């Protein structure tokens, strides 16, 4: 049994890493692409981040849509050179972020729309590289996974495992093939051509989705549109959560809902989570049975499996803690969803 659990853990961790690395990496190019894109940033109480992301796009039109911020987001965004648009009152059935994105899109007039979160930032040349990639590939949209910047203990503990667990259910070929229904989208960074956005009704079509980027990608795949999912660790960065509390609530609001959009992916992720949680019972069983050498070897299986995601074997020794802590988050999210309960996120119930 221990050998079987070991093989399953190692296989799933390897599968997730290979799926992630199989996504095309955005090539860094500087071709002087002519202006033709508006950057739209939905922002709610993002005073700590807003200037950094606005400064990532010098010389480009940047529209910050203020979603009823109560801090200094608006003044800081203006100081950084952005055009600030106050989001009007949300109609019934709309969530804050889709509504802010839709508001910004109505004010934009360029051929391309780039939606980025306020907690992301980008290296010089990112936007030119992304536009060149989309134009050359005759794409309708491109979505980017930035590099996860980790600072606190909770980020370093949970985020590598969470990202790896998610990719156990991803087929990199399928999400980048227009004839496959499997979709993957990252709302942190989404480039979409205006005519396609208007045809699909954009964020209006996913007004009540917490994972609007993924929902939009699935809508595009239904219409056989050419969308690409990319990696850009060298050009794009994100820091989603700055504390354990925000991390817990962030995953609580989105983890279970994102799995429901792609049922095939969702079941694979759930199966992977079950396999990972089998580690501790198996370890205890080996110890109780006094198989000391197998117990010692089996103890290091999670670290061996997840070392690539954590950036090293020693860092991956914390993987068992992440396995069970993230399982608690996922179970809480599932129970809340089933019971119709909400999660407080940035002062709102979602």
C-alpha atoms as a PDB file:
ATOM      1  CA  UNK A   1       0.000   0.000   0.000  1.00  0.00           C
ATOM      2  CA  UNK A   2       2.836   2.365   0.854  1.00  0.00           C
ATOM      3  CA  UNK A   3       4.498   1.694  -2.497  1.00  0.00           C
ATOM      4  CA  UNK A   4       1.205   2.370  -4.274  1.00  0.00           C
ATOM      5  CA  UNK A   5       0.622   5.652  -2.433  1.00  0.00           C
ATOM      6  CA  UNK A   6       4.225   6.692  -3.083  1.00  0.00           C
ATOM      7  CA  UNK A   7       3.918   5.972  -6.796  1.00  0.00           C
ATOM      8  CA  UNK A   8       0.613   7.875  -7.024  1.00  0.00           C
ATOM      9  CA  UNK A   9       1.981  10.942  -5.198  1.00  0.00           C
ATOM     10  CA  UNK A  10       5.118  11.042  -7.321  1.00  0.00           C
ATOM     11  CA  UNK A  11       3.172  10.525 -10.544  1.00  0.00           C
ATOM     12  CA  UNK A  12       0.635  13.277  -9.845  1.00  0.00           C
ATOM     13  CA  UNK A  13       3.270  15.799  -8.791  1.00  0.00           C
ATOM     14  CA  UNK A  14       5.314  15.034 -11.907  1.00  0.00           C
ATOM     15  CA  UNK A  15       2.187  15.239 -14.074  1.00  0.00           C
ATOM     16  CA  UNK A  16       1.284  18.667 -12.688  1.00  0.00           C
ATOM     17  CA  UNK A  17       4.770  20.050 -13.199  1.00  0.00           C
ATOM     18  CA  UNK A  18       4.968  18.764 -16.754  1.00  0.00           C
ATOM     19  CA  UNK A  19       1.529  20.228 -17.522  1.00  0.00           C
ATOM     20  CA  UNK A  20       2.637  23.639 -16.292  1.00  0.00           C
ATOM     21  CA  UNK A  21       5.944  23.568 -18.169  1.00  0.00           C
ATOM     22  CA  UNK A  22       4.127  22.419 -21.318  1.00  0.00           C
ATOM     23  CA  UNK A  23       2.377  25.782 -21.496  1.00  0.00           C
ATOM     24  CA  UNK A  24       4.169  28.014 -24.030  1.00  0.00           C
ATOM     25  CA  UNK A  25       6.532  30.521 -22.457  1.00  0.00           C
ATOM     26  CA  UNK A  26       5.967  34.062 -23.701  1.00  0.00           C
ATOM     27  CA  UNK A  27       9.048  35.040 -25.715  1.00  0.00           C
ATOM     28  CA  UNK A  28      10.650  38.325 -24.694  1.00  0.00           C
ATOM     29  CA  UNK A  29      10.641  40.497 -27.812  1.00  0.00           C
ATOM     30  CA  UNK A  30      10.939  44.201 -28.489  1.00  0.00           C
ATOM     31  CA  UNK A  31       9.498  44.863 -31.919  1.00  0.00           C
ATOM     32  CA  UNK A  32       8.070  48.302 -31.313  1.00  0.00           C
ATOM     33  CA  UNK A  33       4.478  47.172 -31.720  1.00  0.00           C
ATOM     34  CA  UNK A  34       2.347  50.246 -32.526  1.00  0.00           C
ATOM     35  CA  UNK A  35      -0.196  51.420 -29.949  1.00  0.00           C
ATOM     36  CA  UNK A  36      -3.409  49.488 -30.144  1.00  0.00           C
ATOM     37  CA  UNK A  37      -4.183  48.361 -26.612  1.00  0.00           C
ATOM     38  CA  UNK A  38      -5.903  49.800 -23.582  1.00  0.00           C
ATOM     39  CA  UNK A  39      -4.907  48.491 -20.162  1.00  0.00           C
ATOM     40  CA  UNK A  40      -7.816  48.081 -17.751  1.00  0.00           C
ATOM     41  CA  UNK A  41      -7.201  47.597 -14.032  1.00  0.00           C
ATOM     42  CA  UNK A  42     -10.146  46.920 -11.694  1.00  0.00           C
ATOM     43  CA  UNK A  43      -9.190  48.193  -8.259  1.00  0.00           C
ATOM     44  CA  UNK A  44     -10.779  48.117  -4.827  1.00  0.00           C
ATOM     45  CA  UNK A  45      -8.654  49.304  -1.910  1.00  0.00           C
ATOM     46  CA  UNK A  46      -5.376  48.670  -3.733  1.00  0.00           C
ATOM     47  CA  UNK A  47      -3.327  51.591  -2.421  1.00  0.00           C
ATOM     48  CA  UNK A  48      -0.396  49.277  -1.670  1.00  0.00           C
ATOM     49  CA  UNK A  49      -0.200  48.003  -5.254  1.00  0.00           C
ATOM     50  CA  UNK A  50      -1.760  50.383  -7.738  1.00  0.00           C
ATOM     51  CA  UNK A  51       1.223  52.591  -8.575  1.00  0.00           C
ATOM     52  CA  UNK A  52       3.486  49.635  -9.298  1.00  0.00           C
ATOM     53  CA  UNK A  53       1.124  48.076 -11.826  1.00  0.00           C
ATOM     54  CA  UNK A  54       0.321  51.399 -13.529  1.00  0.00           C
ATOM     55  CA  UNK A  55       4.047  52.115 -13.868  1.00  0.00           C
ATOM     56  CA  UNK A  56       4.438  48.804 -15.722  1.00  0.00           C
ATOM     57  CA  UNK A  57       2.873  50.336 -18.838  1.00  0.00           C
ATOM     58  CA  UNK A  58       4.649  53.625 -19.580  1.00  0.00           C
ATOM     59  CA  UNK A  59       3.329  55.398 -22.641  1.00  0.00           C
ATOM     60  CA  UNK A  60       0.216  53.207 -22.823  1.00  0.00           C
ATOM     61  CA  UNK A  61      -3.358  54.211 -21.973  1.00  0.00           C
ATOM     62  CA  UNK A  62      -4.119  52.803 -18.521  1.00  0.00           C
ATOM     63  CA  UNK A  63      -7.671  52.912 -17.162  1.00  0.00           C
ATOM     64  CA  UNK A  64      -8.090  52.218 -13.454  1.00  0.00           C
ATOM     65  CA  UNK A  65     -11.700  51.447 -12.587  1.00  0.00           C
ATOM     66  CA  UNK A  66     -12.254  52.342  -8.952  1.00  0.00           C
ATOM     67  CA  UNK A  67     -14.638  49.866  -7.329  1.00  0.00           C
ATOM     68  CA  UNK A  68     -15.753  51.949  -4.337  1.00  0.00           C
ATOM     69  CA  UNK A  69     -12.320  52.136  -2.697  1.00  0.00           C
ATOM     70  CA  UNK A  70     -12.153  53.644   0.766  1.00  0.00           C
ATOM     71  CA  UNK A  71      -8.372  54.159   0.819  1.00  0.00           C
ATOM     72  CA  UNK A  72      -6.068  56.318  -1.343  1.00  0.00           C
ATOM     73  CA  UNK A  73      -6.253  54.098  -4.441  1.00  0.00           C
ATOM     74  CA  UNK A  74      -7.770  56.836  -6.608  1.00  0.00           C
ATOM     75  CA  UNK A  75      -5.243  59.578  -5.846  1.00  0.00           C
ATOM     76  CA  UNK A  76      -2.276  57.212  -6.115  1.00  0.00           C
ATOM     77  CA  UNK A  77      -3.485  55.882  -9.470  1.00  0.00           C
ATOM     78  CA  UNK A  78      -3.838  59.410 -10.832  1.00  0.00           C
ATOM     79  CA  UNK A  79      -0.403  60.346  -9.546  1.00  0.00           C
ATOM     80  CA  UNK A  80       1.001  57.346 -11.422  1.00  0.00           C
ATOM     81  CA  UNK A  81      -0.519  58.591 -14.668  1.00  0.00           C
ATOM     82  CA  UNK A  82      -3.659  56.474 -14.977  1.00  0.00           C
ATOM     83  CA  UNK A  83      -7.088  57.650 -16.008  1.00  0.00           C
ATOM     84  CA  UNK A  84      -9.378  56.797 -13.091  1.00  0.00           C
ATOM     85  CA  UNK A  85     -12.986  55.861 -13.809  1.00  0.00           C
ATOM     86  CA  UNK A  86     -15.413  55.422 -10.917  1.00  0.00           C
ATOM     87  CA  UNK A  87     -17.463  52.273 -11.299  1.00  0.00           C
ATOM     88  CA  UNK A  88     -21.178  53.072 -11.328  1.00  0.00           C
ATOM     89  CA  UNK A  89     -23.542  51.363  -8.961  1.00  0.00           C
ATOM     90  CA  UNK A  90     -23.569  47.633  -9.608  1.00  0.00           C
ATOM     91  CA  UNK A  91     -26.748  46.180 -11.081  1.00  0.00           C
ATOM     92  CA  UNK A  92     -28.278  43.247  -9.269  1.00  0.00           C
ATOM     93  CA  UNK A  93     -26.509  39.979 -10.049  1.00  0.00           C
ATOM     94  CA  UNK A  94     -23.119  41.549 -10.771  1.00  0.00           C
ATOM     95  CA  UNK A  95     -19.980  40.930  -8.751  1.00  0.00           C
ATOM     96  CA  UNK A  96     -17.521  43.756  -8.239  1.00  0.00           C
ATOM     97  CA  UNK A  97     -14.616  42.699 -10.435  1.00  0.00           C
ATOM     98  CA  UNK A  98     -16.602  41.715 -13.565  1.00  0.00           C
ATOM     99  CA  UNK A  99     -18.561  44.950 -13.242  1.00  0.00           C
ATOM    100  CA  UNK A 100     -15.384  47.039 -12.965  1.00  0.00           C
ATOM    101  CA  UNK A 101     -13.836  45.268 -15.962  1.00  0.00           C
ATOM    102  CA  UNK A 102     -16.984  45.767 -18.038  1.00  0.00           C
ATOM    103  CA  UNK A 103     -17.089  49.454 -17.053  1.00  0.00           C
ATOM    104  CA  UNK A 104     -13.496  49.926 -18.171  1.00  0.00           C
ATOM    105  CA  UNK A 105     -14.109  48.113 -21.455  1.00  0.00           C
ATOM    106  CA  UNK A 106     -16.954  50.491 -22.297  1.00  0.00           C
ATOM    107  CA  UNK A 107     -14.560  53.429 -21.998  1.00  0.00           C
ATOM    108  CA  UNK A 108     -11.744  51.837 -23.987  1.00  0.00           C
ATOM    109  CA  UNK A 109     -11.455  52.183 -27.741  1.00  0.00           C
ATOM    110  CA  UNK A 110      -8.369  50.236 -28.800  1.00  0.00           C
ATOM    111  CA  UNK A 111      -8.236  47.060 -30.901  1.00  0.00           C
ATOM    112  CA  UNK A 112      -6.964  45.066 -27.904  1.00  0.00           C
ATOM    113  CA  UNK A 113      -8.018  45.123 -24.247  1.00  0.00           C
ATOM    114  CA  UNK A 114      -5.629  43.982 -21.530  1.00  0.00           C
ATOM    115  CA  UNK A 115      -7.252  43.232 -18.169  1.00  0.00           C
ATOM    116  CA  UNK A 116      -4.756  42.972 -15.308  1.00  0.00           C
ATOM    117  CA  UNK A 117      -5.194  42.744 -11.560  1.00  0.00           C
ATOM    118  CA  UNK A 118      -3.863  45.473  -9.330  1.00  0.00           C
ATOM    119  CA  UNK A 119      -1.601  43.015  -7.484  1.00  0.00           C
ATOM    120  CA  UNK A 120       0.365  42.198 -10.652  1.00  0.00           C
ATOM    121  CA  UNK A 121       3.313  44.047 -12.198  1.00  0.00           C
ATOM    122  CA  UNK A 122       5.339  43.618 -15.362  1.00  0.00           C
ATOM    123  CA  UNK A 123       8.813  43.968 -16.804  1.00  0.00           C
ATOM    124  CA  UNK A 124       9.597  46.375 -19.675  1.00  0.00           C
ATOM    125  CA  UNK A 125       8.650  44.824 -22.976  1.00  0.00           C
ATOM    126  CA  UNK A 126       5.950  42.546 -21.571  1.00  0.00           C
ATOM    127  CA  UNK A 127       3.066  44.212 -23.354  1.00  0.00           C
ATOM    128  CA  UNK A 128       4.885  44.477 -26.682  1.00  0.00           C
ATOM    129  CA  UNK A 129       5.829  40.800 -26.448  1.00  0.00           C
ATOM    130  CA  UNK A 130       2.278  39.753 -25.633  1.00  0.00           C
ATOM    131  CA  UNK A 131       0.777  41.852 -28.439  1.00  0.00           C
ATOM    132  CA  UNK A 132       3.304  40.529 -30.945  1.00  0.00           C
ATOM    133  CA  UNK A 133       2.549  36.957 -29.894  1.00  0.00           C
ATOM    134  CA  UNK A 134      -1.205  37.487 -30.250  1.00  0.00           C
ATOM    135  CA  UNK A 135      -0.983  39.276 -33.593  1.00  0.00           C
ATOM    136  CA  UNK A 136       1.417  36.768 -35.136  1.00  0.00           C
ATOM    137  CA  UNK A 137      -0.697  33.837 -33.977  1.00  0.00           C
ATOM    138  CA  UNK A 138      -3.910  35.503 -35.169  1.00  0.00           C
ATOM    139  CA  UNK A 139      -5.342  34.942 -31.714  1.00  0.00           C
ATOM    140  CA  UNK A 140      -8.543  36.227 -30.212  1.00  0.00           C
ATOM    141  CA  UNK A 141      -7.162  36.155 -26.682  1.00  0.00           C
ATOM    142  CA  UNK A 142      -4.148  35.232 -24.577  1.00  0.00           C
ATOM    143  CA  UNK A 143      -4.018  34.678 -20.840  1.00  0.00           C
ATOM    144  CA  UNK A 144      -0.835  34.686 -18.778  1.00  0.00           C
ATOM    145  CA  UNK A 145       0.327  32.976 -15.600  1.00  0.00           C
ATOM    146  CA  UNK A 146       2.801  35.356 -13.894  1.00  0.00           C
ATOM    147  CA  UNK A 147       5.533  34.391 -11.477  1.00  0.00           C
ATOM    148  CA  UNK A 148       4.247  33.969  -7.914  1.00  0.00           C
ATOM    149  CA  UNK A 149       6.195  36.267  -5.603  1.00  0.00           C
ATOM    150  CA  UNK A 150       6.264  34.774  -2.107  1.00  0.00           C
ATOM    151  CA  UNK A 151       7.234  36.728   1.018  1.00  0.00           C
ATOM    152  CA  UNK A 152       5.390  35.508   4.123  1.00  0.00           C
ATOM    153  CA  UNK A 153       5.571  32.017   5.611  1.00  0.00           C
ATOM    154  CA  UNK A 154       1.968  31.302   4.587  1.00  0.00           C
ATOM    155  CA  UNK A 155       2.653  32.175   0.948  1.00  0.00           C
ATOM    156  CA  UNK A 156       5.802  30.045   0.842  1.00  0.00           C
ATOM    157  CA  UNK A 157       3.967  27.175   2.515  1.00  0.00           C
ATOM    158  CA  UNK A 158       0.687  27.048   0.621  1.00  0.00           C
ATOM    159  CA  UNK A 159       0.959  28.679  -2.794  1.00  0.00           C
ATOM    160  CA  UNK A 160       3.454  26.266  -4.431  1.00  0.00           C
ATOM    161  CA  UNK A 161       1.335  23.295  -3.387  1.00  0.00           C
ATOM    162  CA  UNK A 162      -1.945  24.973  -4.381  1.00  0.00           C
ATOM    163  CA  UNK A 163      -0.661  25.834  -7.856  1.00  0.00           C
ATOM    164  CA  UNK A 164       0.803  22.364  -8.320  1.00  0.00           C
ATOM    165  CA  UNK A 165      -2.397  20.695  -7.156  1.00  0.00           C
ATOM    166  CA  UNK A 166      -4.435  22.746  -9.629  1.00  0.00           C
ATOM    167  CA  UNK A 167      -2.208  21.711 -12.531  1.00  0.00           C
ATOM    168  CA  UNK A 168      -2.710  18.004 -11.779  1.00  0.00           C
ATOM    169  CA  UNK A 169      -5.988  18.426 -13.660  1.00  0.00           C
ATOM    170  CA  UNK A 170      -4.695  20.540 -16.571  1.00  0.00           C
ATOM    171  CA  UNK A 171      -4.012  19.259 -20.074  1.00  0.00           C
ATOM    172  CA  UNK A 172      -1.707  21.857 -21.625  1.00  0.00           C
ATOM    173  CA  UNK A 173      -2.414  20.699 -25.178  1.00  0.00           C
ATOM    174  CA  UNK A 174      -6.202  20.741 -24.715  1.00  0.00           C
ATOM    175  CA  UNK A 175      -6.441  24.217 -23.190  1.00  0.00           C
ATOM    176  CA  UNK A 176      -4.471  25.632 -26.125  1.00  0.00           C
ATOM    177  CA  UNK A 177      -6.430  23.836 -28.855  1.00  0.00           C
ATOM    178  CA  UNK A 178      -9.580  25.509 -30.174  1.00  0.00           C
ATOM    179  CA  UNK A 179     -11.341  22.207 -30.879  1.00  0.00           C
ATOM    180  CA  UNK A 180     -11.027  21.008 -27.298  1.00  0.00           C
ATOM    181  CA  UNK A 181     -13.710  22.123 -24.831  1.00  0.00           C
ATOM    182  CA  UNK A 182     -11.200  22.189 -21.961  1.00  0.00           C
ATOM    183  CA  UNK A 183     -10.549  25.783 -20.970  1.00  0.00           C
ATOM    184  CA  UNK A 184      -8.088  27.607 -18.759  1.00  0.00           C
ATOM    185  CA  UNK A 185      -8.011  31.321 -18.117  1.00  0.00           C
ATOM    186  CA  UNK A 186      -6.294  33.533 -15.577  1.00  0.00           C
ATOM    187  CA  UNK A 187      -8.174  36.692 -14.673  1.00  0.00           C
ATOM    188  CA  UNK A 188      -4.960  38.199 -13.312  1.00  0.00           C
ATOM    189  CA  UNK A 189      -3.814  38.859 -16.877  1.00  0.00           C
ATOM    190  CA  UNK A 190      -6.065  38.509 -19.911  1.00  0.00           C
ATOM    191  CA  UNK A 191      -5.559  40.054 -23.344  1.00  0.00           C
ATOM    192  CA  UNK A 192      -8.603  39.937 -25.632  1.00  0.00           C
ATOM    193  CA  UNK A 193      -9.408  41.431 -29.009  1.00  0.00           C
ATOM    194  CA  UNK A 194     -12.153  44.020 -28.773  1.00  0.00           C
ATOM    195  CA  UNK A 195     -14.382  42.629 -31.533  1.00  0.00           C
ATOM    196  CA  UNK A 196     -14.410  39.182 -29.912  1.00  0.00           C
ATOM    197  CA  UNK A 197     -15.020  40.705 -26.487  1.00  0.00           C
ATOM    198  CA  UNK A 198     -18.034  42.623 -27.782  1.00  0.00           C
ATOM    199  CA  UNK A 199     -19.380  39.578 -29.627  1.00  0.00           C
ATOM    200  CA  UNK A 200     -19.261  37.503 -26.433  1.00  0.00           C
ATOM    201  CA  UNK A 201     -20.575  40.396 -24.309  1.00  0.00           C
ATOM    202  CA  UNK A 202     -17.369  40.132 -22.334  1.00  0.00           C
ATOM    203  CA  UNK A 203     -17.623  40.385 -18.573  1.00  0.00           C
ATOM    204  CA  UNK A 204     -21.339  40.978 -18.875  1.00  0.00           C
ATOM    205  CA  UNK A 205     -21.682  37.305 -19.847  1.00  0.00           C
ATOM    206  CA  UNK A 206     -19.859  36.233 -16.647  1.00  0.00           C
ATOM    207  CA  UNK A 207     -21.217  38.949 -14.367  1.00  0.00           C
ATOM    208  CA  UNK A 208     -21.750  36.696 -11.352  1.00  0.00           C
ATOM    209  CA  UNK A 209     -18.574  34.602 -11.645  1.00  0.00           C
ATOM    210  CA  UNK A 210     -15.903  34.734  -8.955  1.00  0.00           C
ATOM    211  CA  UNK A 211     -13.456  33.179 -11.447  1.00  0.00           C
ATOM    212  CA  UNK A 212     -14.356  35.443 -14.359  1.00  0.00           C
ATOM    213  CA  UNK A 213     -11.129  34.822 -16.289  1.00  0.00           C
ATOM    214  CA  UNK A 214     -11.735  31.085 -16.397  1.00  0.00           C
ATOM    215  CA  UNK A 215     -15.420  31.599 -17.250  1.00  0.00           C
ATOM    216  CA  UNK A 216     -14.504  33.888 -20.157  1.00  0.00           C
ATOM    217  CA  UNK A 217     -11.957  31.383 -21.461  1.00  0.00           C
ATOM    218  CA  UNK A 218     -14.574  28.632 -21.401  1.00  0.00           C
ATOM    219  CA  UNK A 219     -16.997  30.877 -23.287  1.00  0.00           C
ATOM    220  CA  UNK A 220     -14.351  31.511 -25.947  1.00  0.00           C
ATOM    221  CA  UNK A 221     -13.654  27.802 -26.296  1.00  0.00           C
ATOM    222  CA  UNK A 222     -17.367  27.137 -26.848  1.00  0.00           C
ATOM    223  CA  UNK A 223     -17.174  29.440 -29.864  1.00  0.00           C
ATOM    224  CA  UNK A 224     -13.962  27.741 -31.114  1.00  0.00           C
ATOM    225  CA  UNK A 225     -11.988  30.941 -30.700  1.00  0.00           C
ATOM    226  CA  UNK A 226      -8.197  30.874 -30.721  1.00  0.00           C
ATOM    227  CA  UNK A 227      -6.999  31.494 -27.173  1.00  0.00           C
ATOM    228  CA  UNK A 228      -3.574  30.693 -25.756  1.00  0.00           C
ATOM    229  CA  UNK A 229      -2.537  30.056 -22.181  1.00  0.00           C
ATOM    230  CA  UNK A 230       1.036  31.187 -21.516  1.00  0.00           C
ATOM    231  CA  UNK A 231       3.712  31.292 -18.844  1.00  0.00           C
ATOM    232  CA  UNK A 232       5.642  34.506 -18.313  1.00  0.00           C
ATOM    233  CA  UNK A 233       7.667  34.119 -15.118  1.00  0.00           C
ATOM    234  CA  UNK A 234      10.456  36.261 -16.570  1.00  0.00           C
ATOM    235  CA  UNK A 235       8.162  39.147 -17.561  1.00  0.00           C
ATOM    236  CA  UNK A 236       5.172  39.118 -15.201  1.00  0.00           C
ATOM    237  CA  UNK A 237       4.796  38.966 -11.421  1.00  0.00           C
ATOM    238  CA  UNK A 238       1.934  38.634  -8.951  1.00  0.00           C
ATOM    239  CA  UNK A 239       1.533  38.677  -5.202  1.00  0.00           C
ATOM    240  CA  UNK A 240      -2.041  37.697  -4.487  1.00  0.00           C
ATOM    241  CA  UNK A 241      -2.092  37.497  -0.686  1.00  0.00           C
ATOM    242  CA  UNK A 242      -0.101  39.327   1.962  1.00  0.00           C
ATOM    243  CA  UNK A 243      -1.265  37.362   5.006  1.00  0.00           C
ATOM    244  CA  UNK A 244      -2.555  33.955   6.055  1.00  0.00           C
ATOM    245  CA  UNK A 245      -6.037  35.400   6.575  1.00  0.00           C
ATOM    246  CA  UNK A 246      -6.322  36.832   3.052  1.00  0.00           C
ATOM    247  CA  UNK A 247      -4.824  33.650   1.596  1.00  0.00           C
ATOM    248  CA  UNK A 248      -7.404  31.465   3.343  1.00  0.00           C
ATOM    249  CA  UNK A 249     -10.306  33.684   2.272  1.00  0.00           C
ATOM    250  CA  UNK A 250      -8.982  34.023  -1.267  1.00  0.00           C
ATOM    251  CA  UNK A 251      -8.802  30.286  -1.848  1.00  0.00           C
ATOM    252  CA  UNK A 252     -12.045  29.765   0.031  1.00  0.00           C
ATOM    253  CA  UNK A 253     -13.949  32.022  -2.369  1.00  0.00           C
ATOM    254  CA  UNK A 254     -12.496  30.641  -5.590  1.00  0.00           C
ATOM    255  CA  UNK A 255     -11.036  27.135  -5.267  1.00  0.00           C
ATOM    256  CA  UNK A 256     -14.220  25.049  -5.366  1.00  0.00           C
ATOM    257  CA  UNK A 257     -15.961  27.342  -7.862  1.00  0.00           C
ATOM    258  CA  UNK A 258     -13.084  27.185 -10.332  1.00  0.00           C
ATOM    259  CA  UNK A 259     -13.250  23.373 -10.340  1.00  0.00           C
ATOM    260  CA  UNK A 260     -16.949  23.413 -11.196  1.00  0.00           C
ATOM    261  CA  UNK A 261     -16.375  25.277 -14.475  1.00  0.00           C
ATOM    262  CA  UNK A 262     -14.221  22.431 -15.855  1.00  0.00           C
ATOM    263  CA  UNK A 263     -15.700  19.243 -14.332  1.00  0.00           C
ATOM    264  CA  UNK A 264     -13.044  17.023 -15.911  1.00  0.00           C
ATOM    265  CA  UNK A 265     -10.256  19.102 -14.430  1.00  0.00           C
ATOM    266  CA  UNK A 266     -12.125  19.375 -11.149  1.00  0.00           C
ATOM    267  CA  UNK A 267     -12.451  15.637 -10.626  1.00  0.00           C
ATOM    268  CA  UNK A 268      -8.764  15.102 -11.358  1.00  0.00           C
ATOM    269  CA  UNK A 269      -7.815  17.756  -8.813  1.00  0.00           C
ATOM    270  CA  UNK A 270     -10.127  16.249  -6.200  1.00  0.00           C
ATOM    271  CA  UNK A 271      -8.678  12.785  -6.857  1.00  0.00           C
ATOM    272  CA  UNK A 272      -5.157  14.182  -6.537  1.00  0.00           C
ATOM    273  CA  UNK A 273      -6.058  15.848  -3.230  1.00  0.00           C
ATOM    274  CA  UNK A 274      -7.423  12.548  -1.895  1.00  0.00           C
ATOM    275  CA  UNK A 275      -4.241  10.737  -2.923  1.00  0.00           C
ATOM    276  CA  UNK A 276      -2.102  13.376  -1.212  1.00  0.00           C
ATOM    277  CA  UNK A 277      -4.074  13.105   2.029  1.00  0.00           C
ATOM    278  CA  UNK A 278      -3.466   9.343   2.045  1.00  0.00           C
ATOM    279  CA  UNK A 279       0.156  10.075   2.955  1.00  0.00           C
ATOM    280  CA  UNK A 280      -0.302  10.613   6.695  1.00  0.00           C
ATOM    281  CA  UNK A 281      -2.531   7.544   7.382  1.00  0.00           C
ATOM    282  CA  UNK A 282      -0.074   5.401   5.431  1.00  0.00           C
ATOM    283  CA  UNK A 283       2.867   6.853   7.354  1.00  0.00           C
ATOM    284  CA  UNK A 284       1.145   6.155  10.677  1.00  0.00           C
ATOM    285  CA  UNK A 285       0.279   2.628   9.577  1.00  0.00           C
ATOM    286  CA  UNK A 286       3.901   1.928   8.667  1.00  0.00           C
ATOM    287  CA  UNK A 287       5.111   3.292  12.011  1.00  0.00           C
ATOM    288  CA  UNK A 288       2.547   1.338  14.033  1.00  0.00           C
ATOM    289  CA  UNK A 289       3.560  -1.792  12.133  1.00  0.00           C
ATOM    290  CA  UNK A 290       7.192  -1.048  13.087  1.00  0.00           C
ATOM    291  CA  UNK A 291       8.464  -0.995   9.533  1.00  0.00           C
ATOM    292  CA  UNK A 292      11.070   1.570  10.484  1.00  0.00           C
ATOM    293  CA  UNK A 293      13.094   1.796   7.284  1.00  0.00           C
ATOM    294  CA  UNK A 294      10.004   2.070   4.999  1.00  0.00           C
ATOM    295  CA  UNK A 295       8.587   4.634   7.454  1.00  0.00           C
ATOM    296  CA  UNK A 296      11.719   6.766   7.236  1.00  0.00           C
ATOM    297  CA  UNK A 297      11.788   6.566   3.448  1.00  0.00           C
ATOM    298  CA  UNK A 298       8.062   7.217   3.085  1.00  0.00           C
ATOM    299  CA  UNK A 299       8.318  10.322   5.284  1.00  0.00           C
ATOM    300  CA  UNK A 300      10.240  12.120   2.523  1.00  0.00           C
ATOM    301  CA  UNK A 301       7.916  11.198  -0.369  1.00  0.00           C
ATOM    302  CA  UNK A 302       5.922  14.510  -0.405  1.00  0.00           C
ATOM    303  CA  UNK A 303       9.127  16.574  -0.334  1.00  0.00           C
ATOM    304  CA  UNK A 304      10.575  14.491  -3.152  1.00  0.00           C
ATOM    305  CA  UNK A 305       7.373  14.828  -5.181  1.00  0.00           C
ATOM    306  CA  UNK A 306       6.871  18.597  -4.751  1.00  0.00           C
ATOM    307  CA  UNK A 307      10.477  19.800  -4.701  1.00  0.00           C
ATOM    308  CA  UNK A 308      10.203  21.314  -8.209  1.00  0.00           C
ATOM    309  CA  UNK A 309       7.184  23.401  -7.199  1.00  0.00           C
ATOM    310  CA  UNK A 310       8.860  24.587  -3.991  1.00  0.00           C
ATOM    311  CA  UNK A 311      12.178  25.299  -5.645  1.00  0.00           C
ATOM    312  CA  UNK A 312      14.173  22.741  -3.667  1.00  0.00           C
ATOM    313  CA  UNK A 313      14.010  19.650  -1.477  1.00  0.00           C
ATOM    314  CA  UNK A 314      14.487  21.438   1.853  1.00  0.00           C
ATOM    315  CA  UNK A 315      11.693  23.914   1.143  1.00  0.00           C
ATOM    316  CA  UNK A 316       9.449  21.058   0.065  1.00  0.00           C
ATOM    317  CA  UNK A 317       9.753  19.425   3.495  1.00  0.00           C
ATOM    318  CA  UNK A 318       6.813  21.648   4.480  1.00  0.00           C
ATOM    319  CA  UNK A 319       4.615  20.082   1.772  1.00  0.00           C
ATOM    320  CA  UNK A 320       2.778  17.719   4.187  1.00  0.00           C
ATOM    321  CA  UNK A 321       1.595  20.711   6.219  1.00  0.00           C
ATOM    322  CA  UNK A 322       0.364  22.379   3.033  1.00  0.00           C
ATOM    323  CA  UNK A 323      -1.441  19.207   1.947  1.00  0.00           C
ATOM    324  CA  UNK A 324      -3.657  19.089   5.022  1.00  0.00           C
ATOM    325  CA  UNK A 325      -4.030  22.828   5.515  1.00  0.00           C
ATOM    326  CA  UNK A 326      -5.149  23.305   1.931  1.00  0.00           C
ATOM    327  CA  UNK A 327      -7.509  20.350   2.300  1.00  0.00           C
ATOM    328  CA  UNK A 328      -9.139  22.182   5.205  1.00  0.00           C
ATOM    329  CA  UNK A 329      -9.584  25.268   3.021  1.00  0.00           C
ATOM    330  CA  UNK A 330     -11.077  23.217   0.190  1.00  0.00           C
ATOM    331  CA  UNK A 331     -13.509  21.385   2.461  1.00  0.00           C
ATOM    332  CA  UNK A 332     -14.595  24.672   4.038  1.00  0.00           C
ATOM    333  CA  UNK A 333     -15.155  26.184   0.587  1.00  0.00           C
ATOM    334  CA  UNK A 334     -17.164  23.171  -0.568  1.00  0.00           C
ATOM    335  CA  UNK A 335     -19.363  23.168   2.539  1.00  0.00           C
ATOM    336  CA  UNK A 336     -20.018  26.898   2.250  1.00  0.00           C
ATOM    337  CA  UNK A 337     -20.963  26.502  -1.395  1.00  0.00           C
ATOM    338  CA  UNK A 338     -23.336  23.617  -0.677  1.00  0.00           C
ATOM    339  CA  UNK A 339     -24.952  25.498   2.218  1.00  0.00           C
ATOM    340  CA  UNK A 340     -25.214  28.730   0.215  1.00  0.00           C
ATOM    341  CA  UNK A 341     -22.899  30.626   2.557  1.00  0.00           C
ATOM    342  CA  UNK A 342     -20.625  33.452   1.412  1.00  0.00           C
ATOM    343  CA  UNK A 343     -17.065  34.559   2.089  1.00  0.00           C
ATOM    344  CA  UNK A 344     -16.127  38.101   3.027  1.00  0.00           C
ATOM    345  CA  UNK A 345     -13.643  39.418   0.476  1.00  0.00           C
ATOM    346  CA  UNK A 346     -12.484  43.038   0.599  1.00  0.00           C
ATOM    347  CA  UNK A 347     -15.504  44.053   2.609  1.00  0.00           C
ATOM    348  CA  UNK A 348     -18.047  42.270   0.411  1.00  0.00           C
ATOM    349  CA  UNK A 349     -19.805  38.938   0.628  1.00  0.00           C
ATOM    350  CA  UNK A 350     -19.075  36.761  -2.413  1.00  0.00           C
END
